[in-house]
Amino acid sequence: MENREMFEEIAALIGSIAKAFDLSDTDVVAAIEQGSLGMEMITDAEGRNCVEASHDGRVARIYPGAIYRVGDQPPAADEDCGGGGCSCGH
């Protein structure tokens, strides 16, 4: 069993960032070590806490259970993604 503090949470965050930027987990860790990937804990305009990550001019916000890529278009009005909480960009 892993005894390091918050190991699972950090691994999940790395996985979410990898998905947001279409990278491997190893590439995310390398980018963090090289300083080319920035992360900041923020509160969005709706008062929700998230981690905002930036890499190669792209920005993504990581929420529990959702990834929002800043600059992506939200789903069309006729698409039903259940009101958010998914990684479709809603």
PDB file of N, CA and C in Angstrom:
ATOM      1  N   MET A   1       0.841  -1.190   0.000  1.00  0.00           N
ATOM      2  CA  MET A   1       0.000   0.000   0.000  1.00  0.00           C
ATOM      3  C   MET A   1       0.881   1.247   0.000  1.00  0.00           C
ATOM      4  N   GLU A   2       0.457   2.247  -0.717  1.00  0.00           N
ATOM      5  CA  GLU A   2       1.196   3.499  -0.832  1.00  0.00           C
ATOM      6  C   GLU A   2       0.936   4.354   0.398  1.00  0.00           C
ATOM      7  N   ASN A   3       1.999   4.809   1.067  1.00  0.00           N
ATOM      8  CA  ASN A   3       1.855   5.591   2.290  1.00  0.00           C
ATOM      9  C   ASN A   3       2.145   7.075   2.100  1.00  0.00           C
ATOM     10  N   ARG A   4       2.527   7.468   0.877  1.00  0.00           N
ATOM     11  CA  ARG A   4       2.831   8.880   0.661  1.00  0.00           C
ATOM     12  C   ARG A   4       1.544   9.700   0.728  1.00  0.00           C
ATOM     13  N   GLU A   5       1.653  10.863   1.358  1.00  0.00           N
ATOM     14  CA  GLU A   5       0.489  11.723   1.550  1.00  0.00           C
ATOM     15  C   GLU A   5      -0.042  12.236   0.218  1.00  0.00           C
ATOM     16  N   MET A   6      -1.323  12.093  -0.003  1.00  0.00           N
ATOM     17  CA  MET A   6      -2.055  12.587  -1.173  1.00  0.00           C
ATOM     18  C   MET A   6      -1.554  11.982  -2.486  1.00  0.00           C
ATOM     19  N   PHE A   7      -0.937  10.817  -2.455  1.00  0.00           N
ATOM     20  CA  PHE A   7      -0.411  10.171  -3.652  1.00  0.00           C
ATOM     21  C   PHE A   7      -1.501   9.956  -4.693  1.00  0.00           C
ATOM     22  N   GLU A   8      -2.644   9.428  -4.286  1.00  0.00           N
ATOM     23  CA  GLU A   8      -3.738   9.153  -5.230  1.00  0.00           C
ATOM     24  C   GLU A   8      -4.283  10.426  -5.850  1.00  0.00           C
ATOM     25  N   GLU A   9      -4.420  11.484  -5.049  1.00  0.00           N
ATOM     26  CA  GLU A   9      -4.931  12.750  -5.558  1.00  0.00           C
ATOM     27  C   GLU A   9      -3.976  13.374  -6.569  1.00  0.00           C
ATOM     28  N   ILE A  10      -2.682  13.312  -6.277  1.00  0.00           N
ATOM     29  CA  ILE A  10      -1.690  13.877  -7.196  1.00  0.00           C
ATOM     30  C   ILE A  10      -1.640  13.063  -8.480  1.00  0.00           C
ATOM     31  N   ALA A  11      -1.705  11.738  -8.358  1.00  0.00           N
ATOM     32  CA  ALA A  11      -1.717  10.883  -9.548  1.00  0.00           C
ATOM     33  C   ALA A  11      -2.942  11.170 -10.406  1.00  0.00           C
ATOM     34  N   ALA A  12      -4.106  11.400  -9.773  1.00  0.00           N
ATOM     35  CA  ALA A  12      -5.326  11.729 -10.520  1.00  0.00           C
ATOM     36  C   ALA A  12      -5.188  13.083 -11.218  1.00  0.00           C
ATOM     37  N   LEU A  13      -4.577  14.063 -10.555  1.00  0.00           N
ATOM     38  CA  LEU A  13      -4.370  15.384 -11.157  1.00  0.00           C
ATOM     39  C   LEU A  13      -3.439  15.278 -12.365  1.00  0.00           C
ATOM     40  N   ILE A  14      -2.360  14.525 -12.221  1.00  0.00           N
ATOM     41  CA  ILE A  14      -1.434  14.338 -13.350  1.00  0.00           C
ATOM     42  C   ILE A  14      -2.160  13.673 -14.511  1.00  0.00           C
ATOM     43  N   GLY A  15      -2.985  12.667 -14.226  1.00  0.00           N
ATOM     44  CA  GLY A  15      -3.753  12.001 -15.273  1.00  0.00           C
ATOM     45  C   GLY A  15      -4.727  12.945 -15.966  1.00  0.00           C
ATOM     46  N   SER A  16      -5.368  13.815 -15.199  1.00  0.00           N
ATOM     47  CA  SER A  16      -6.307  14.783 -15.778  1.00  0.00           C
ATOM     48  C   SER A  16      -5.592  15.804 -16.653  1.00  0.00           C
ATOM     49  N   ILE A  17      -4.437  16.261 -16.203  1.00  0.00           N
ATOM     50  CA  ILE A  17      -3.656  17.205 -17.007  1.00  0.00           C
ATOM     51  C   ILE A  17      -3.183  16.534 -18.288  1.00  0.00           C
ATOM     52  N   ALA A  18      -2.757  15.286 -18.178  1.00  0.00           N
ATOM     53  CA  ALA A  18      -2.336  14.534 -19.366  1.00  0.00           C
ATOM     54  C   ALA A  18      -3.474  14.449 -20.375  1.00  0.00           C
ATOM     55  N   LYS A  19      -4.673  14.165 -19.895  1.00  0.00           N
ATOM     56  CA  LYS A  19      -5.842  14.077 -20.782  1.00  0.00           C
ATOM     57  C   LYS A  19      -6.168  15.440 -21.390  1.00  0.00           C
ATOM     58  N   ALA A  20      -6.094  16.481 -20.586  1.00  0.00           N
ATOM     59  CA  ALA A  20      -6.435  17.829 -21.068  1.00  0.00           C
ATOM     60  C   ALA A  20      -5.522  18.275 -22.201  1.00  0.00           C
ATOM     61  N   PHE A  21      -4.236  17.929 -22.117  1.00  0.00           N
ATOM     62  CA  PHE A  21      -3.273  18.384 -23.108  1.00  0.00           C
ATOM     63  C   PHE A  21      -2.832  17.268 -24.057  1.00  0.00           C
ATOM     64  N   ASP A  22      -3.486  16.129 -23.989  1.00  0.00           N
ATOM     65  CA  ASP A  22      -3.172  14.978 -24.846  1.00  0.00           C
ATOM     66  C   ASP A  22      -1.696  14.606 -24.731  1.00  0.00           C
ATOM     67  N   LEU A  23      -1.255  14.408 -23.494  1.00  0.00           N
ATOM     68  CA  LEU A  23       0.119  14.013 -23.189  1.00  0.00           C
ATOM     69  C   LEU A  23       0.101  12.707 -22.404  1.00  0.00           C
ATOM     70  N   SER A  24       1.251  12.084 -22.273  1.00  0.00           N
ATOM     71  CA  SER A  24       1.362  10.925 -21.383  1.00  0.00           C
ATOM     72  C   SER A  24       1.623  11.445 -19.966  1.00  0.00           C
ATOM     73  N   ASP A  25       1.373  10.596 -18.974  1.00  0.00           N
ATOM     74  CA  ASP A  25       1.666  10.983 -17.593  1.00  0.00           C
ATOM     75  C   ASP A  25       3.139  11.346 -17.439  1.00  0.00           C
ATOM     76  N   THR A  26       4.024  10.597 -18.106  1.00  0.00           N
ATOM     77  CA  THR A  26       5.460  10.845 -18.041  1.00  0.00           C
ATOM     78  C   THR A  26       5.795  12.219 -18.628  1.00  0.00           C
ATOM     79  N   ASP A  27       5.128  12.581 -19.734  1.00  0.00           N
ATOM     80  CA  ASP A  27       5.358  13.898 -20.345  1.00  0.00           C
ATOM     81  C   ASP A  27       4.900  15.021 -19.421  1.00  0.00           C
ATOM     82  N   VAL A  28       3.807  14.802 -18.687  1.00  0.00           N
ATOM     83  CA  VAL A  28       3.321  15.818 -17.738  1.00  0.00           C
ATOM     84  C   VAL A  28       4.354  16.024 -16.638  1.00  0.00           C
ATOM     85  N   VAL A  29       4.842  14.926 -16.070  1.00  0.00           N
ATOM     86  CA  VAL A  29       5.848  15.035 -15.007  1.00  0.00           C
ATOM     87  C   VAL A  29       7.099  15.730 -15.528  1.00  0.00           C
ATOM     88  N   ALA A  30       7.549  15.388 -16.730  1.00  0.00           N
ATOM     89  CA  ALA A  30       8.727  16.038 -17.316  1.00  0.00           C
ATOM     90  C   ALA A  30       8.481  17.532 -17.519  1.00  0.00           C
ATOM     91  N   ALA A  31       7.291  17.898 -17.989  1.00  0.00           N
ATOM     92  CA  ALA A  31       6.965  19.315 -18.204  1.00  0.00           C
ATOM     93  C   ALA A  31       6.952  20.076 -16.881  1.00  0.00           C
ATOM     94  N   ILE A  32       6.458  19.444 -15.822  1.00  0.00           N
ATOM     95  CA  ILE A  32       6.475  20.082 -14.497  1.00  0.00           C
ATOM     96  C   ILE A  32       7.924  20.295 -14.059  1.00  0.00           C
ATOM     97  N   GLU A  33       8.745  19.267 -14.209  1.00  0.00           N
ATOM     98  CA  GLU A  33      10.148  19.362 -13.798  1.00  0.00           C
ATOM     99  C   GLU A  33      10.908  20.409 -14.594  1.00  0.00           C
ATOM    100  N   GLN A  34      10.572  20.568 -15.882  1.00  0.00           N
ATOM    101  CA  GLN A  34      11.252  21.535 -16.741  1.00  0.00           C
ATOM    102  C   GLN A  34      10.694  22.945 -16.596  1.00  0.00           C
ATOM    103  N   GLY A  35       9.573  23.083 -15.911  1.00  0.00           N
ATOM    104  CA  GLY A  35       8.963  24.391 -15.730  1.00  0.00           C
ATOM    105  C   GLY A  35       8.118  24.856 -16.894  1.00  0.00           C
ATOM    106  N   SER A  36       7.798  23.958 -17.826  1.00  0.00           N
ATOM    107  CA  SER A  36       6.989  24.351 -18.983  1.00  0.00           C
ATOM    108  C   SER A  36       5.499  24.110 -18.773  1.00  0.00           C
ATOM    109  N   LEU A  37       5.136  23.588 -17.620  1.00  0.00           N
ATOM    110  CA  LEU A  37       3.728  23.386 -17.284  1.00  0.00           C
ATOM    111  C   LEU A  37       3.474  24.103 -15.968  1.00  0.00           C
ATOM    112  N   GLY A  38       2.539  25.049 -16.002  1.00  0.00           N
ATOM    113  CA  GLY A  38       2.204  25.799 -14.804  1.00  0.00           C
ATOM    114  C   GLY A  38       0.885  25.337 -14.232  1.00  0.00           C
ATOM    115  N   MET A  39       0.753  25.416 -12.927  1.00  0.00           N
ATOM    116  CA  MET A  39      -0.500  25.065 -12.250  1.00  0.00           C
ATOM    117  C   MET A  39      -0.791  26.097 -11.175  1.00  0.00           C
ATOM    118  N   GLU A  40      -2.067  26.417 -11.059  1.00  0.00           N
ATOM    119  CA  GLU A  40      -2.505  27.373 -10.048  1.00  0.00           C
ATOM    120  C   GLU A  40      -3.884  26.962  -9.559  1.00  0.00           C
ATOM    121  N   MET A  41      -4.087  27.003  -8.260  1.00  0.00           N
ATOM    122  CA  MET A  41      -5.417  26.745  -7.700  1.00  0.00           C
ATOM    123  C   MET A  41      -6.191  28.055  -7.757  1.00  0.00           C
ATOM    124  N   ILE A  42      -7.361  28.029  -8.395  1.00  0.00           N
ATOM    125  CA  ILE A  42      -8.158  29.245  -8.557  1.00  0.00           C
ATOM    126  C   ILE A  42      -9.609  28.971  -8.191  1.00  0.00           C
ATOM    127  N   THR A  43     -10.371  30.039  -8.103  1.00  0.00           N
ATOM    128  CA  THR A  43     -11.825  29.977  -7.990  1.00  0.00           C
ATOM    129  C   THR A  43     -12.374  30.638  -9.242  1.00  0.00           C
ATOM    130  N   ASP A  44     -13.210  29.909  -9.993  1.00  0.00           N
ATOM    131  CA  ASP A  44     -13.716  30.450 -11.259  1.00  0.00           C
ATOM    132  C   ASP A  44     -14.806  31.489 -11.020  1.00  0.00           C
ATOM    133  N   ALA A  45     -15.337  32.037 -12.081  1.00  0.00           N
ATOM    134  CA  ALA A  45     -16.343  33.095 -12.004  1.00  0.00           C
ATOM    135  C   ALA A  45     -17.628  32.627 -11.329  1.00  0.00           C
ATOM    136  N   GLU A  46     -17.853  31.316 -11.296  1.00  0.00           N
ATOM    137  CA  GLU A  46     -19.053  30.768 -10.651  1.00  0.00           C
ATOM    138  C   GLU A  46     -18.793  30.314  -9.222  1.00  0.00           C
ATOM    139  N   GLY A  47     -17.592  30.614  -8.701  1.00  0.00           N
ATOM    140  CA  GLY A  47     -17.256  30.292  -7.322  1.00  0.00           C
ATOM    141  C   GLY A  47     -16.792  28.860  -7.089  1.00  0.00           C
ATOM    142  N   ARG A  48     -16.476  28.127  -8.168  1.00  0.00           N
ATOM    143  CA  ARG A  48     -16.015  26.739  -8.035  1.00  0.00           C
ATOM    144  C   ARG A  48     -14.495  26.706  -8.022  1.00  0.00           C
ATOM    145  N   ASN A  49     -13.947  25.899  -7.140  1.00  0.00           N
ATOM    146  CA  ASN A  49     -12.500  25.732  -7.053  1.00  0.00           C
ATOM    147  C   ASN A  49     -12.025  24.772  -8.136  1.00  0.00           C
ATOM    148  N   CYS A  50     -10.852  25.061  -8.703  1.00  0.00           N
ATOM    149  CA  CYS A  50     -10.265  24.183  -9.707  1.00  0.00           C
ATOM    150  C   CYS A  50      -8.772  24.429  -9.768  1.00  0.00           C
ATOM    151  N   VAL A  51      -8.090  23.571 -10.513  1.00  0.00           N
ATOM    152  CA  VAL A  51      -6.679  23.777 -10.809  1.00  0.00           C
ATOM    153  C   VAL A  51      -6.606  24.239 -12.250  1.00  0.00           C
ATOM    154  N   GLU A  52      -5.993  25.391 -12.466  1.00  0.00           N
ATOM    155  CA  GLU A  52      -5.807  25.894 -13.823  1.00  0.00           C
ATOM    156  C   GLU A  52      -4.385  25.547 -14.244  1.00  0.00           C
ATOM    157  N   ALA A  53      -4.272  24.775 -15.318  1.00  0.00           N
ATOM    158  CA  ALA A  53      -2.967  24.352 -15.827  1.00  0.00           C
ATOM    159  C   ALA A  53      -2.714  25.024 -17.161  1.00  0.00           C
ATOM    160  N   SER A  54      -1.467  25.396 -17.404  1.00  0.00           N
ATOM    161  CA  SER A  54      -1.107  26.003 -18.687  1.00  0.00           C
ATOM    162  C   SER A  54       0.130  25.295 -19.240  1.00  0.00           C
ATOM    163  N   HIS A  55       0.101  25.067 -20.560  1.00  0.00           N
ATOM    164  CA  HIS A  55       1.201  24.372 -21.227  1.00  0.00           C
ATOM    165  C   HIS A  55       1.187  24.738 -22.706  1.00  0.00           C
ATOM    166  N   ASP A  56       2.311  25.170 -23.234  1.00  0.00           N
ATOM    167  CA  ASP A  56       2.456  25.518 -24.653  1.00  0.00           C
ATOM    168  C   ASP A  56       1.362  26.462 -25.148  1.00  0.00           C
ATOM    169  N   GLY A  57       1.030  27.467 -24.364  1.00  0.00           N
ATOM    170  CA  GLY A  57       0.033  28.453 -24.770  1.00  0.00           C
ATOM    171  C   GLY A  57      -1.409  28.006 -24.598  1.00  0.00           C
ATOM    172  N   ARG A  58      -1.622  26.804 -24.106  1.00  0.00           N
ATOM    173  CA  ARG A  58      -2.985  26.301 -23.881  1.00  0.00           C
ATOM    174  C   ARG A  58      -3.287  26.321 -22.387  1.00  0.00           C
ATOM    175  N   VAL A  59      -4.558  26.474 -22.057  1.00  0.00           N
ATOM    176  CA  VAL A  59      -4.990  26.524 -20.663  1.00  0.00           C
ATOM    177  C   VAL A  59      -6.147  25.560 -20.475  1.00  0.00           C
ATOM    178  N   ALA A  60      -6.099  24.815 -19.374  1.00  0.00           N
ATOM    179  CA  ALA A  60      -7.190  23.907 -19.024  1.00  0.00           C
ATOM    180  C   ALA A  60      -7.493  24.072 -17.544  1.00  0.00           C
ATOM    181  N   ARG A  61      -8.763  23.965 -17.220  1.00  0.00           N
ATOM    182  CA  ARG A  61      -9.184  23.992 -15.819  1.00  0.00           C
ATOM    183  C   ARG A  61      -9.629  22.588 -15.447  1.00  0.00           C
ATOM    184  N   ILE A  62      -9.083  22.090 -14.350  1.00  0.00           N
ATOM    185  CA  ILE A  62      -9.355  20.740 -13.883  1.00  0.00           C
ATOM    186  C   ILE A  62     -10.282  20.838 -12.667  1.00  0.00           C
ATOM    187  N   TYR A  63     -11.492  20.320 -12.829  1.00  0.00           N
ATOM    188  CA  TYR A  63     -12.481  20.260 -11.758  1.00  0.00           C
ATOM    189  C   TYR A  63     -12.641  18.801 -11.340  1.00  0.00           C
ATOM    190  N   PRO A  64     -13.188  18.532 -10.158  1.00  0.00           N
ATOM    191  CA  PRO A  64     -13.465  17.137  -9.809  1.00  0.00           C
ATOM    192  C   PRO A  64     -14.422  16.530 -10.846  1.00  0.00           C
ATOM    193  N   GLY A  65     -13.966  15.569 -11.600  1.00  0.00           N
ATOM    194  CA  GLY A  65     -14.805  14.895 -12.584  1.00  0.00           C
ATOM    195  C   GLY A  65     -14.981  15.617 -13.900  1.00  0.00           C
ATOM    196  N   ALA A  66     -14.262  16.725 -14.119  1.00  0.00           N
ATOM    197  CA  ALA A  66     -14.448  17.476 -15.370  1.00  0.00           C
ATOM    198  C   ALA A  66     -13.175  18.212 -15.766  1.00  0.00           C
ATOM    199  N   ILE A  67     -13.004  18.349 -17.072  1.00  0.00           N
ATOM    200  CA  ILE A  67     -11.901  19.128 -17.630  1.00  0.00           C
ATOM    201  C   ILE A  67     -12.500  20.164 -18.568  1.00  0.00           C
ATOM    202  N   TYR A  68     -12.145  21.424 -18.381  1.00  0.00           N
ATOM    203  CA  TYR A  68     -12.587  22.491 -19.270  1.00  0.00           C
ATOM    204  C   TYR A  68     -11.359  23.078 -19.937  1.00  0.00           C
ATOM    205  N   ARG A  69     -11.287  22.975 -21.235  1.00  0.00           N
ATOM    206  CA  ARG A  69     -10.174  23.541 -21.987  1.00  0.00           C
ATOM    207  C   ARG A  69     -10.548  24.965 -22.389  1.00  0.00           C
ATOM    208  N   VAL A  70      -9.882  25.937 -21.807  1.00  0.00           N
ATOM    209  CA  VAL A  70     -10.178  27.340 -22.072  1.00  0.00           C
ATOM    210  C   VAL A  70      -9.994  27.580 -23.566  1.00  0.00           C
ATOM    211  N   GLY A  71     -11.013  28.149 -24.191  1.00  0.00           N
ATOM    212  CA  GLY A  71     -10.996  28.402 -25.627  1.00  0.00           C
ATOM    213  C   GLY A  71     -11.821  27.394 -26.404  1.00  0.00           C
ATOM    214  N   ASP A  72     -12.121  26.224 -25.799  1.00  0.00           N
ATOM    215  CA  ASP A  72     -12.994  25.254 -26.458  1.00  0.00           C
ATOM    216  C   ASP A  72     -14.421  25.778 -26.454  1.00  0.00           C
ATOM    217  N   GLN A  73     -15.163  25.385 -27.450  1.00  0.00           N
ATOM    218  CA  GLN A  73     -16.566  25.766 -27.518  1.00  0.00           C
ATOM    219  C   GLN A  73     -17.401  24.826 -26.656  1.00  0.00           C
ATOM    220  N   PRO A  74     -18.396  25.355 -25.922  1.00  0.00           N
ATOM    221  CA  PRO A  74     -19.288  24.471 -25.167  1.00  0.00           C
ATOM    222  C   PRO A  74     -20.128  23.643 -26.136  1.00  0.00           C
ATOM    223  N   PRO A  75     -20.731  22.547 -25.656  1.00  0.00           N
ATOM    224  CA  PRO A  75     -21.552  21.726 -26.549  1.00  0.00           C
ATOM    225  C   PRO A  75     -22.743  22.505 -27.077  1.00  0.00           C
ATOM    226  N   ALA A  76     -23.223  22.120 -28.251  1.00  0.00           N
ATOM    227  CA  ALA A  76     -24.410  22.756 -28.831  1.00  0.00           C
ATOM    228  C   ALA A  76     -25.598  22.565 -27.901  1.00  0.00           C
ATOM    229  N   ALA A  77     -26.569  23.466 -28.011  1.00  0.00           N
ATOM    230  CA  ALA A  77     -27.720  23.448 -27.108  1.00  0.00           C
ATOM    231  C   ALA A  77     -28.498  22.141 -27.172  1.00  0.00           C
ATOM    232  N   ASP A  78     -28.490  21.458 -28.325  1.00  0.00           N
ATOM    233  CA  ASP A  78     -29.274  20.231 -28.430  1.00  0.00           C
ATOM    234  C   ASP A  78     -28.530  19.012 -27.879  1.00  0.00           C
ATOM    235  N   GLU A  79     -27.229  19.163 -27.560  1.00  0.00           N
ATOM    236  CA  GLU A  79     -26.500  18.058 -26.962  1.00  0.00           C
ATOM    237  C   GLU A  79     -26.760  18.045 -25.470  1.00  0.00           C
ATOM    238  N   ASP A  80     -27.035  16.859 -24.933  1.00  0.00           N
ATOM    239  CA  ASP A  80     -27.305  16.743 -23.509  1.00  0.00           C
ATOM    240  C   ASP A  80     -26.190  15.951 -22.851  1.00  0.00           C
ATOM    241  N   CYS A  81     -25.377  16.643 -22.097  1.00  0.00           N
ATOM    242  CA  CYS A  81     -24.290  15.956 -21.404  1.00  0.00           C
ATOM    243  C   CYS A  81     -24.613  15.820 -19.928  1.00  0.00           C
ATOM    244  N   GLY A  82     -25.853  15.999 -19.547  1.00  0.00           N
ATOM    245  CA  GLY A  82     -26.231  15.840 -18.160  1.00  0.00           C
ATOM    246  C   GLY A  82     -25.977  17.075 -17.313  1.00  0.00           C
ATOM    247  N   GLY A  83     -25.788  18.225 -17.954  1.00  0.00           N
ATOM    248  CA  GLY A  83     -25.629  19.477 -17.197  1.00  0.00           C
ATOM    249  C   GLY A  83     -24.242  19.720 -16.674  1.00  0.00           C
ATOM    250  N   GLY A  84     -23.247  19.104 -17.251  1.00  0.00           N
ATOM    251  CA  GLY A  84     -21.882  19.341 -16.838  1.00  0.00           C
ATOM    252  C   GLY A  84     -21.332  18.177 -16.032  1.00  0.00           C
ATOM    253  N   GLY A  85     -20.125  18.350 -15.507  1.00  0.00           N
ATOM    254  CA  GLY A  85     -19.483  17.312 -14.747  1.00  0.00           C
ATOM    255  C   GLY A  85     -18.811  16.262 -15.594  1.00  0.00           C
ATOM    256  N   CYS A  86     -18.714  16.520 -16.888  1.00  0.00           N
ATOM    257  CA  CYS A  86     -18.040  15.563 -17.784  1.00  0.00           C
ATOM    258  C   CYS A  86     -16.865  16.280 -18.452  1.00  0.00           C
ATOM    259  N   SER A  87     -16.152  15.600 -19.306  1.00  0.00           N
ATOM    260  CA  SER A  87     -14.993  16.232 -19.932  1.00  0.00           C
ATOM    261  C   SER A  87     -15.289  16.715 -21.341  1.00  0.00           C
ATOM    262  N   CYS A  88     -16.554  16.966 -21.648  1.00  0.00           N
ATOM    263  CA  CYS A  88     -16.916  17.388 -23.003  1.00  0.00           C
ATOM    264  C   CYS A  88     -16.666  18.874 -23.226  1.00  0.00           C
ATOM    265  N   GLY A  89     -16.269  19.590 -22.202  1.00  0.00           N
ATOM    266  CA  GLY A  89     -16.014  21.020 -22.358  1.00  0.00           C
ATOM    267  C   GLY A  89     -17.167  21.885 -21.874  1.00  0.00           C
ATOM    268  N   HIS A  90     -18.234  21.261 -21.384  1.00  0.00           N
ATOM    269  CA  HIS A  90     -19.400  21.997 -20.882  1.00  0.00           C
ATOM    270  C   HIS A  90     -19.104  22.598 -19.544  1.00  0.00           C
TER     271      HIS A  90
END
